PDB file of N, CA and C in Angstrom:
ATOM      1  N   MET A   1    -160.391 -64.692 -22.557  1.00  0.00           N
ATOM      2  CA  MET A   1    -160.715 -65.875 -22.832  1.00  0.00           C
ATOM      3  C   MET A   1    -162.066 -66.043 -22.983  1.00  0.00           C
ATOM      4  N   ALA A   2    -162.727 -66.477 -24.098  1.00  0.00           N
ATOM      5  CA  ALA A   2    -163.998 -66.539 -24.440  1.00  0.00           C
ATOM      6  C   ALA A   2    -164.564 -67.899 -24.528  1.00  0.00           C
ATOM      7  N   ALA A   3    -165.832 -68.059 -23.872  1.00  0.00           N
ATOM      8  CA  ALA A   3    -166.168 -69.989 -23.856  1.00  0.00           C
ATOM      9  C   ALA A   3    -167.116 -69.715 -24.867  1.00  0.00           C
ATOM     10  N   ALA A   4    -167.489 -71.128 -25.535  1.00  0.00           N
ATOM     11  CA  ALA A   4    -168.320 -71.488 -26.603  1.00  0.00           C
ATOM     12  C   ALA A   4    -169.566 -71.187 -25.854  1.00  0.00           C
ATOM     13  N   SER A   5    -170.620 -70.990 -26.962  1.00  0.00           N
ATOM     14  CA  SER A   5    -172.139 -70.852 -26.297  1.00  0.00           C
ATOM     15  C   SER A   5    -172.656 -71.990 -26.289  1.00  0.00           C
ATOM     16  N   PRO A   6    -173.563 -72.479 -25.663  1.00  0.00           N
ATOM     17  CA  PRO A   6    -174.380 -73.755 -25.646  1.00  0.00           C
ATOM     18  C   PRO A   6    -174.786 -74.176 -26.960  1.00  0.00           C
ATOM     19  N   GLU A   7    -175.389 -73.511 -27.702  1.00  0.00           N
ATOM     20  CA  GLU A   7    -175.599 -73.761 -29.304  1.00  0.00           C
ATOM     21  C   GLU A   7    -174.504 -74.462 -29.839  1.00  0.00           C
ATOM     22  N   TYR A   8    -173.386 -73.553 -29.492  1.00  0.00           N
ATOM     23  CA  TYR A   8    -172.168 -74.136 -30.513  1.00  0.00           C
ATOM     24  C   TYR A   8    -171.591 -75.797 -29.757  1.00  0.00           C
ATOM     25  N   LEU A   9    -171.625 -75.621 -28.598  1.00  0.00           N
ATOM     26  CA  LEU A   9    -171.158 -77.001 -27.926  1.00  0.00           C
ATOM     27  C   LEU A   9    -172.270 -77.888 -28.527  1.00  0.00           C
ATOM     28  N   LEU A  10    -173.333 -77.703 -28.474  1.00  0.00           N
ATOM     29  CA  LEU A  10    -174.602 -78.499 -28.836  1.00  0.00           C
ATOM     30  C   LEU A  10    -174.229 -79.122 -30.314  1.00  0.00           C
ATOM     31  N   ALA A  11    -173.883 -78.059 -31.050  1.00  0.00           N
ATOM     32  CA  ALA A  11    -173.814 -78.399 -32.733  1.00  0.00           C
ATOM     33  C   ALA A  11    -172.444 -79.628 -32.546  1.00  0.00           C
ATOM     34  N   MET A  12    -171.552 -79.174 -32.018  1.00  0.00           N
ATOM     35  CA  MET A  12    -170.273 -79.988 -32.086  1.00  0.00           C
ATOM     36  C   MET A  12    -170.671 -81.344 -31.278  1.00  0.00           C
ATOM     37  N   LYS A  13    -171.577 -81.432 -30.247  1.00  0.00           N
ATOM     38  CA  LYS A  13    -171.864 -82.756 -29.979  1.00  0.00           C
ATOM     39  C   LYS A  13    -172.766 -83.495 -30.777  1.00  0.00           C
ATOM     40  N   LEU A  14    -173.535 -82.909 -31.626  1.00  0.00           N
ATOM     41  CA  LEU A  14    -174.619 -83.636 -32.593  1.00  0.00           C
ATOM     42  C   LEU A  14    -173.766 -83.990 -33.485  1.00  0.00           C
ATOM     43  N   MET A  15    -172.628 -82.994 -34.175  1.00  0.00           N
ATOM     44  CA  MET A  15    -171.643 -83.711 -35.417  1.00  0.00           C
ATOM     45  C   MET A  15    -171.013 -85.008 -34.806  1.00  0.00           C
ATOM     46  N   ALA A  16    -170.639 -85.015 -33.585  1.00  0.00           N
ATOM     47  CA  ALA A  16    -170.120 -86.029 -33.235  1.00  0.00           C
ATOM     48  C   ALA A  16    -170.868 -87.459 -33.234  1.00  0.00           C
ATOM     49  N   SER A  17    -172.169 -87.445 -32.492  1.00  0.00           N
ATOM     50  CA  SER A  17    -173.184 -88.354 -32.247  1.00  0.00           C
ATOM     51  C   SER A  17    -172.730 -89.529 -31.780  1.00  0.00           C
ATOM     52  N   ARG A  18    -171.923 -89.549 -30.673  1.00  0.00           N
ATOM     53  CA  ARG A  18    -171.478 -90.665 -30.089  1.00  0.00           C
ATOM     54  C   ARG A  18    -172.362 -91.139 -29.045  1.00  0.00           C
ATOM     55  N   VAL A  19    -173.374 -92.105 -29.634  1.00  0.00           N
ATOM     56  CA  VAL A  19    -174.540 -92.157 -28.739  1.00  0.00           C
ATOM     57  C   VAL A  19    -174.077 -92.531 -27.350  1.00  0.00           C
ATOM     58  N   GLU A  20    -173.523 -93.436 -26.807  1.00  0.00           N
ATOM     59  CA  GLU A  20    -172.759 -93.922 -25.705  1.00  0.00           C
ATOM     60  C   GLU A  20    -172.245 -92.727 -24.839  1.00  0.00           C
ATOM     61  N   ARG A  21    -171.359 -91.775 -25.659  1.00  0.00           N
ATOM     62  CA  ARG A  21    -170.685 -90.969 -24.593  1.00  0.00           C
ATOM     63  C   ARG A  21    -171.365 -89.426 -24.859  1.00  0.00           C
ATOM     64  N   ASP A  22    -172.389 -88.988 -26.072  1.00  0.00           N
ATOM     65  CA  ASP A  22    -172.764 -87.678 -25.939  1.00  0.00           C
ATOM     66  C   ASP A  22    -174.058 -87.626 -25.482  1.00  0.00           C
ATOM     67  N   GLN A  23    -174.906 -88.473 -25.434  1.00  0.00           N
ATOM     68  CA  GLN A  23    -176.533 -88.297 -24.958  1.00  0.00           C
ATOM     69  C   GLN A  23    -176.729 -87.754 -23.880  1.00  0.00           C
ATOM     70  N   ASP A  24    -175.853 -87.587 -22.907  1.00  0.00           N
ATOM     71  CA  ASP A  24    -176.459 -86.809 -21.668  1.00  0.00           C
ATOM     72  C   ASP A  24    -176.076 -85.475 -21.832  1.00  0.00           C
ATOM     73  N   ASP A  25    -174.881 -85.249 -22.158  1.00  0.00           N
ATOM     74  CA  ASP A  25    -174.511 -84.122 -22.840  1.00  0.00           C
ATOM     75  C   ASP A  25    -175.495 -83.258 -23.665  1.00  0.00           C
ATOM     76  N   ILE A  26    -175.785 -84.051 -24.897  1.00  0.00           N
ATOM     77  CA  ILE A  26    -176.982 -83.428 -25.778  1.00  0.00           C
ATOM     78  C   ILE A  26    -178.034 -83.150 -24.915  1.00  0.00           C
ATOM     79  N   ARG A  27    -178.722 -83.715 -23.860  1.00  0.00           N
ATOM     80  CA  ARG A  27    -179.811 -83.394 -23.272  1.00  0.00           C
ATOM     81  C   ARG A  27    -179.810 -82.222 -22.635  1.00  0.00           C
ATOM     82  N   GLU A  28    -178.756 -81.972 -21.571  1.00  0.00           N
ATOM     83  CA  GLU A  28    -178.514 -81.189 -20.893  1.00  0.00           C
ATOM     84  C   GLU A  28    -177.954 -79.619 -21.917  1.00  0.00           C
ATOM     85  N   LEU A  29    -177.443 -80.034 -22.942  1.00  0.00           N
ATOM     86  CA  LEU A  29    -177.712 -78.774 -23.923  1.00  0.00           C
ATOM     87  C   LEU A  29    -178.655 -78.335 -24.324  1.00  0.00           C
ATOM     88  N   TYR A  30    -179.847 -79.301 -24.833  1.00  0.00           N
ATOM     89  CA  TYR A  30    -180.839 -79.297 -25.288  1.00  0.00           C
ATOM     90  C   TYR A  30    -182.014 -78.143 -24.287  1.00  0.00           C
ATOM     91  N   LYS A  31    -181.649 -78.771 -22.953  1.00  0.00           N
ATOM     92  CA  LYS A  31    -182.374 -77.917 -22.001  1.00  0.00           C
ATOM     93  C   LYS A  31    -181.882 -76.382 -21.780  1.00  0.00           C
ATOM     94  N   LEU A  32    -180.508 -76.392 -21.818  1.00  0.00           N
ATOM     95  CA  LEU A  32    -179.737 -75.094 -21.837  1.00  0.00           C
ATOM     96  C   LEU A  32    -180.367 -74.206 -22.852  1.00  0.00           C
ATOM     97  N   CYS A  33    -180.624 -74.876 -23.991  1.00  0.00           N
ATOM     98  CA  CYS A  33    -181.174 -73.891 -25.049  1.00  0.00           C
ATOM     99  C   CYS A  33    -182.317 -73.879 -25.234  1.00  0.00           C
ATOM    100  N   GLY A  34    -183.471 -74.324 -24.456  1.00  0.00           N
ATOM    101  CA  GLY A  34    -184.609 -74.513 -24.493  1.00  0.00           C
ATOM    102  C   GLY A  34    -185.422 -74.954 -25.678  1.00  0.00           C
ATOM    103  N   PHE A  35    -184.656 -76.168 -26.114  1.00  0.00           N
ATOM    104  CA  PHE A  35    -185.246 -76.836 -27.286  1.00  0.00           C
ATOM    105  C   PHE A  35    -186.024 -78.228 -26.888  1.00  0.00           C
ATOM    106  N   GLN A  36    -186.816 -78.582 -27.439  1.00  0.00           N
ATOM    107  CA  GLN A  36    -187.571 -79.662 -27.385  1.00  0.00           C
ATOM    108  C   GLN A  36    -187.613 -80.733 -28.255  1.00  0.00           C
ATOM    109  N   THR A  37    -187.446 -80.425 -29.662  1.00  0.00           N
ATOM    110  CA  THR A  37    -187.890 -81.098 -30.562  1.00  0.00           C
ATOM    111  C   THR A  37    -186.381 -81.499 -31.548  1.00  0.00           C
ATOM    112  N   ALA A  38    -186.530 -82.549 -32.290  1.00  0.00           N
ATOM    113  CA  ALA A  38    -185.373 -83.159 -33.294  1.00  0.00           C
ATOM    114  C   ALA A  38    -185.110 -81.870 -34.204  1.00  0.00           C
ATOM    115  N   ASP A  39    -186.069 -81.162 -34.857  1.00  0.00           N
ATOM    116  CA  ASP A  39    -185.842 -80.128 -35.602  1.00  0.00           C
ATOM    117  C   ASP A  39    -184.939 -78.892 -35.289  1.00  0.00           C
ATOM    118  N   GLU A  40    -185.495 -78.590 -33.786  1.00  0.00           N
ATOM    119  CA  GLU A  40    -184.743 -77.684 -33.428  1.00  0.00           C
ATOM    120  C   GLU A  40    -183.104 -77.927 -33.422  1.00  0.00           C
ATOM    121  N   GLY A  41    -182.630 -79.179 -32.920  1.00  0.00           N
ATOM    122  CA  GLY A  41    -181.465 -79.355 -32.976  1.00  0.00           C
ATOM    123  C   GLY A  41    -180.722 -79.469 -34.583  1.00  0.00           C
ATOM    124  N   LEU A  42    -181.300 -80.152 -35.590  1.00  0.00           N
ATOM    125  CA  LEU A  42    -181.047 -79.770 -36.841  1.00  0.00           C
ATOM    126  C   LEU A  42    -180.848 -78.474 -37.208  1.00  0.00           C
ATOM    127  N   GLU A  43    -181.750 -77.273 -36.847  1.00  0.00           N
ATOM    128  CA  GLU A  43    -181.830 -76.246 -37.514  1.00  0.00           C
ATOM    129  C   GLU A  43    -180.299 -75.785 -36.693  1.00  0.00           C
ATOM    130  N   ILE A  44    -180.122 -75.901 -35.607  1.00  0.00           N
ATOM    131  CA  ILE A  44    -178.880 -75.215 -34.962  1.00  0.00           C
ATOM    132  C   ILE A  44    -177.462 -75.755 -35.662  1.00  0.00           C
ATOM    133  N   LEU A  45    -177.809 -77.003 -36.028  1.00  0.00           N
ATOM    134  CA  LEU A  45    -176.429 -77.664 -36.722  1.00  0.00           C
ATOM    135  C   LEU A  45    -176.236 -77.173 -37.956  1.00  0.00           C
ATOM    136  N   VAL A  46    -177.215 -76.706 -38.796  1.00  0.00           N
ATOM    137  CA  VAL A  46    -176.992 -76.000 -39.999  1.00  0.00           C
ATOM    138  C   VAL A  46    -176.530 -74.551 -39.862  1.00  0.00           C
ATOM    139  N   ARG A  47    -176.625 -74.158 -38.760  1.00  0.00           N
ATOM    140  CA  ARG A  47    -176.329 -72.867 -38.554  1.00  0.00           C
ATOM    141  C   ARG A  47    -174.773 -73.030 -38.473  1.00  0.00           C
ATOM    142  N   TYR A  48    -174.164 -73.709 -38.224  1.00  0.00           N
ATOM    143  CA  TYR A  48    -172.581 -73.907 -37.771  1.00  0.00           C
ATOM    144  C   TYR A  48    -172.142 -74.721 -38.476  1.00  0.00           C
ATOM    145  N   TYR A  49    -172.595 -75.805 -39.443  1.00  0.00           N
ATOM    146  CA  TYR A  49    -171.945 -76.837 -40.614  1.00  0.00           C
ATOM    147  C   TYR A  49    -172.618 -76.884 -41.789  1.00  0.00           C
ATOM    148  N   PRO A  50    -171.878 -76.928 -42.636  1.00  0.00           N
ATOM    149  CA  PRO A  50    -172.608 -77.272 -44.095  1.00  0.00           C
ATOM    150  C   PRO A  50    -173.501 -78.550 -43.994  1.00  0.00           C
ATOM    151  N   GLU A  51    -174.594 -78.321 -44.798  1.00  0.00           N
ATOM    152  CA  GLU A  51    -175.352 -79.538 -44.738  1.00  0.00           C
ATOM    153  C   GLU A  51    -174.917 -80.615 -45.160  1.00  0.00           C
ATOM    154  N   HIS A  52    -174.152 -80.722 -46.158  1.00  0.00           N
ATOM    155  CA  HIS A  52    -173.444 -82.001 -46.988  1.00  0.00           C
ATOM    156  C   HIS A  52    -172.348 -82.592 -45.696  1.00  0.00           C
ATOM    157  N   GLN A  53    -172.129 -82.010 -45.108  1.00  0.00           N
ATOM    158  CA  GLN A  53    -171.280 -82.618 -43.919  1.00  0.00           C
ATOM    159  C   GLN A  53    -171.980 -83.435 -42.824  1.00  0.00           C
ATOM    160  N   ILE A  54    -173.329 -83.032 -42.378  1.00  0.00           N
ATOM    161  CA  ILE A  54    -174.202 -83.441 -41.423  1.00  0.00           C
ATOM    162  C   ILE A  54    -174.511 -85.169 -41.942  1.00  0.00           C
ATOM    163  N   LEU A  55    -174.180 -85.783 -40.963  1.00  0.00           N
ATOM    164  CA  LEU A  55    -174.666 -87.447 -41.441  1.00  0.00           C
ATOM    165  C   LEU A  55    -175.898 -87.796 -40.845  1.00  0.00           C
ATOM    166  N   PRO A  56    -176.637 -88.831 -41.630  1.00  0.00           N
ATOM    167  CA  PRO A  56    -177.993 -89.216 -41.502  1.00  0.00           C
ATOM    168  C   PRO A  56    -178.164 -89.494 -40.059  1.00  0.00           C
ATOM    169  N   ARG A  57    -176.991 -90.354 -39.344  1.00  0.00           N
ATOM    170  CA  ARG A  57    -177.216 -90.829 -37.928  1.00  0.00           C
ATOM    171  C   ARG A  57    -177.459 -89.854 -37.118  1.00  0.00           C
ATOM    172  N   VAL A  58    -177.293 -88.597 -37.270  1.00  0.00           N
ATOM    173  CA  VAL A  58    -177.422 -87.271 -36.451  1.00  0.00           C
ATOM    174  C   VAL A  58    -178.846 -86.837 -36.434  1.00  0.00           C
ATOM    175  N   GLN A  59    -179.783 -87.177 -37.493  1.00  0.00           N
ATOM    176  CA  GLN A  59    -181.201 -86.859 -37.594  1.00  0.00           C
ATOM    177  C   GLN A  59    -181.781 -87.956 -36.823  1.00  0.00           C
ATOM    178  N   PHE A  60    -181.090 -89.323 -37.162  1.00  0.00           N
ATOM    179  CA  PHE A  60    -181.926 -90.611 -36.569  1.00  0.00           C
ATOM    180  C   PHE A  60    -181.603 -90.415 -34.993  1.00  0.00           C
ATOM    181  N   LEU A  61    -180.762 -89.898 -34.424  1.00  0.00           N
ATOM    182  CA  LEU A  61    -180.392 -90.105 -33.055  1.00  0.00           C
ATOM    183  C   LEU A  61    -181.422 -88.883 -32.351  1.00  0.00           C
ATOM    184  N   LEU A  62    -181.692 -87.650 -32.921  1.00  0.00           N
ATOM    185  CA  LEU A  62    -182.255 -86.753 -32.534  1.00  0.00           C
ATOM    186  C   LEU A  62    -183.539 -87.276 -32.638  1.00  0.00           C
ATOM    187  N   GLN A  63    -184.241 -87.865 -33.650  1.00  0.00           N
ATOM    188  CA  GLN A  63    -185.455 -88.513 -33.682  1.00  0.00           C
ATOM    189  C   GLN A  63    -185.878 -89.345 -32.837  1.00  0.00           C
ATOM    190  N   GLU A  64    -184.734 -90.119 -32.411  1.00  0.00           N
ATOM    191  CA  GLU A  64    -184.790 -91.215 -31.306  1.00  0.00           C
ATOM    192  C   GLU A  64    -185.039 -90.574 -29.798  1.00  0.00           C
ATOM    193  N   MET A  65    -184.260 -89.675 -29.656  1.00  0.00           N
ATOM    194  CA  MET A  65    -184.147 -88.749 -28.162  1.00  0.00           C
ATOM    195  C   MET A  65    -185.199 -87.786 -28.031  1.00  0.00           C
ATOM    196  N   PHE A  66    -185.591 -87.166 -29.164  1.00  0.00           N
ATOM    197  CA  PHE A  66    -186.662 -86.078 -28.993  1.00  0.00           C
ATOM    198  C   PHE A  66    -187.582 -86.513 -30.063  1.00  0.00           C
ATOM    199  N   PRO A  67    -188.729 -87.441 -29.758  1.00  0.00           N
ATOM    200  CA  PRO A  67    -189.651 -87.418 -30.741  1.00  0.00           C
ATOM    201  C   PRO A  67    -190.835 -86.527 -30.709  1.00  0.00           C
ATOM    202  N   ASP A  68    -191.113 -86.562 -31.884  1.00  0.00           N
ATOM    203  CA  ASP A  68    -192.408 -85.314 -32.110  1.00  0.00           C
ATOM    204  C   ASP A  68    -193.407 -85.838 -31.299  1.00  0.00           C
ATOM    205  N   VAL A  69    -194.273 -84.897 -30.521  1.00  0.00           N
ATOM    206  CA  VAL A  69    -195.186 -85.016 -29.504  1.00  0.00           C
ATOM    207  C   VAL A  69    -196.176 -85.463 -30.484  1.00  0.00           C
ATOM    208  N   LYS A  70    -196.704 -85.101 -31.582  1.00  0.00           N
ATOM    209  CA  LYS A  70    -197.885 -85.992 -32.501  1.00  0.00           C
ATOM    210  C   LYS A  70    -197.465 -87.407 -32.610  1.00  0.00           C
ATOM    211  N   GLU A  71    -196.111 -87.653 -32.701  1.00  0.00           N
ATOM    212  CA  GLU A  71    -196.085 -89.269 -32.851  1.00  0.00           C
ATOM    213  C   GLU A  71    -196.077 -89.637 -31.652  1.00  0.00           C
ATOM    214  N   GLN A  72    -195.860 -89.266 -30.715  1.00  0.00           N
ATOM    215  CA  GLN A  72    -195.875 -90.037 -29.403  1.00  0.00           C
ATOM    216  C   GLN A  72    -197.661 -90.168 -29.005  1.00  0.00           C
ATOM    217  N   GLU A  73    -198.288 -89.217 -29.323  1.00  0.00           N
ATOM    218  CA  GLU A  73    -199.527 -89.179 -29.033  1.00  0.00           C
ATOM    219  C   GLU A  73    -200.422 -90.259 -30.198  1.00  0.00           C
ATOM    220  N   ARG A  74    -199.665 -90.657 -31.203  1.00  0.00           N
ATOM    221  CA  ARG A  74    -200.293 -91.561 -32.310  1.00  0.00           C
ATOM    222  C   ARG A  74    -199.817 -92.835 -31.597  1.00  0.00           C
ATOM    223  N   ASP A  75    -198.512 -93.181 -31.156  1.00  0.00           N
ATOM    224  CA  ASP A  75    -198.028 -94.317 -30.749  1.00  0.00           C
ATOM    225  C   ASP A  75    -198.842 -94.761 -29.573  1.00  0.00           C
ATOM    226  N   THR A  76    -199.162 -93.802 -28.690  1.00  0.00           N
ATOM    227  CA  THR A  76    -199.917 -94.218 -27.554  1.00  0.00           C
ATOM    228  C   THR A  76    -201.535 -94.176 -27.367  1.00  0.00           C
ATOM    229  N   GLY A  77    -201.970 -93.748 -28.781  1.00  0.00           N
ATOM    230  CA  GLY A  77    -203.413 -93.524 -29.003  1.00  0.00           C
ATOM    231  C   GLY A  77    -203.995 -92.443 -27.894  1.00  0.00           C
ATOM    232  N   LEU A  78    -203.441 -91.470 -27.455  1.00  0.00           N
ATOM    233  CA  LEU A  78    -203.735 -90.276 -26.816  1.00  0.00           C
ATOM    234  C   LEU A  78    -203.771 -88.919 -27.473  1.00  0.00           C
ATOM    235  N   SER A  79    -204.704 -88.273 -27.379  1.00  0.00           N
ATOM    236  CA  SER A  79    -204.565 -86.835 -27.808  1.00  0.00           C
ATOM    237  C   SER A  79    -204.761 -85.689 -26.713  1.00  0.00           C
ATOM    238  N   ARG A  80    -204.561 -84.870 -27.199  1.00  0.00           N
ATOM    239  CA  ARG A  80    -205.050 -83.348 -26.141  1.00  0.00           C
ATOM    240  C   ARG A  80    -205.958 -82.695 -26.500  1.00  0.00           C
TER     241      ARG A  80
END
């Protein structure tokens, strides 16, 4: 019996994008995959699903959960 890879499980969770139910799992799978940005999640998603099936809510959820570092610096006025 074969088990699904963390990347595939992440893609499935992202496609569902059930905020209350999947957010913790998405964060854990992001850690397992070594991901840190919203774009990385979107890239893995298009590897497993056709782009036309990916709903905008997925991108919005990822951007909320994993904001771009530059955006965080801009919002707080901090820079490195």
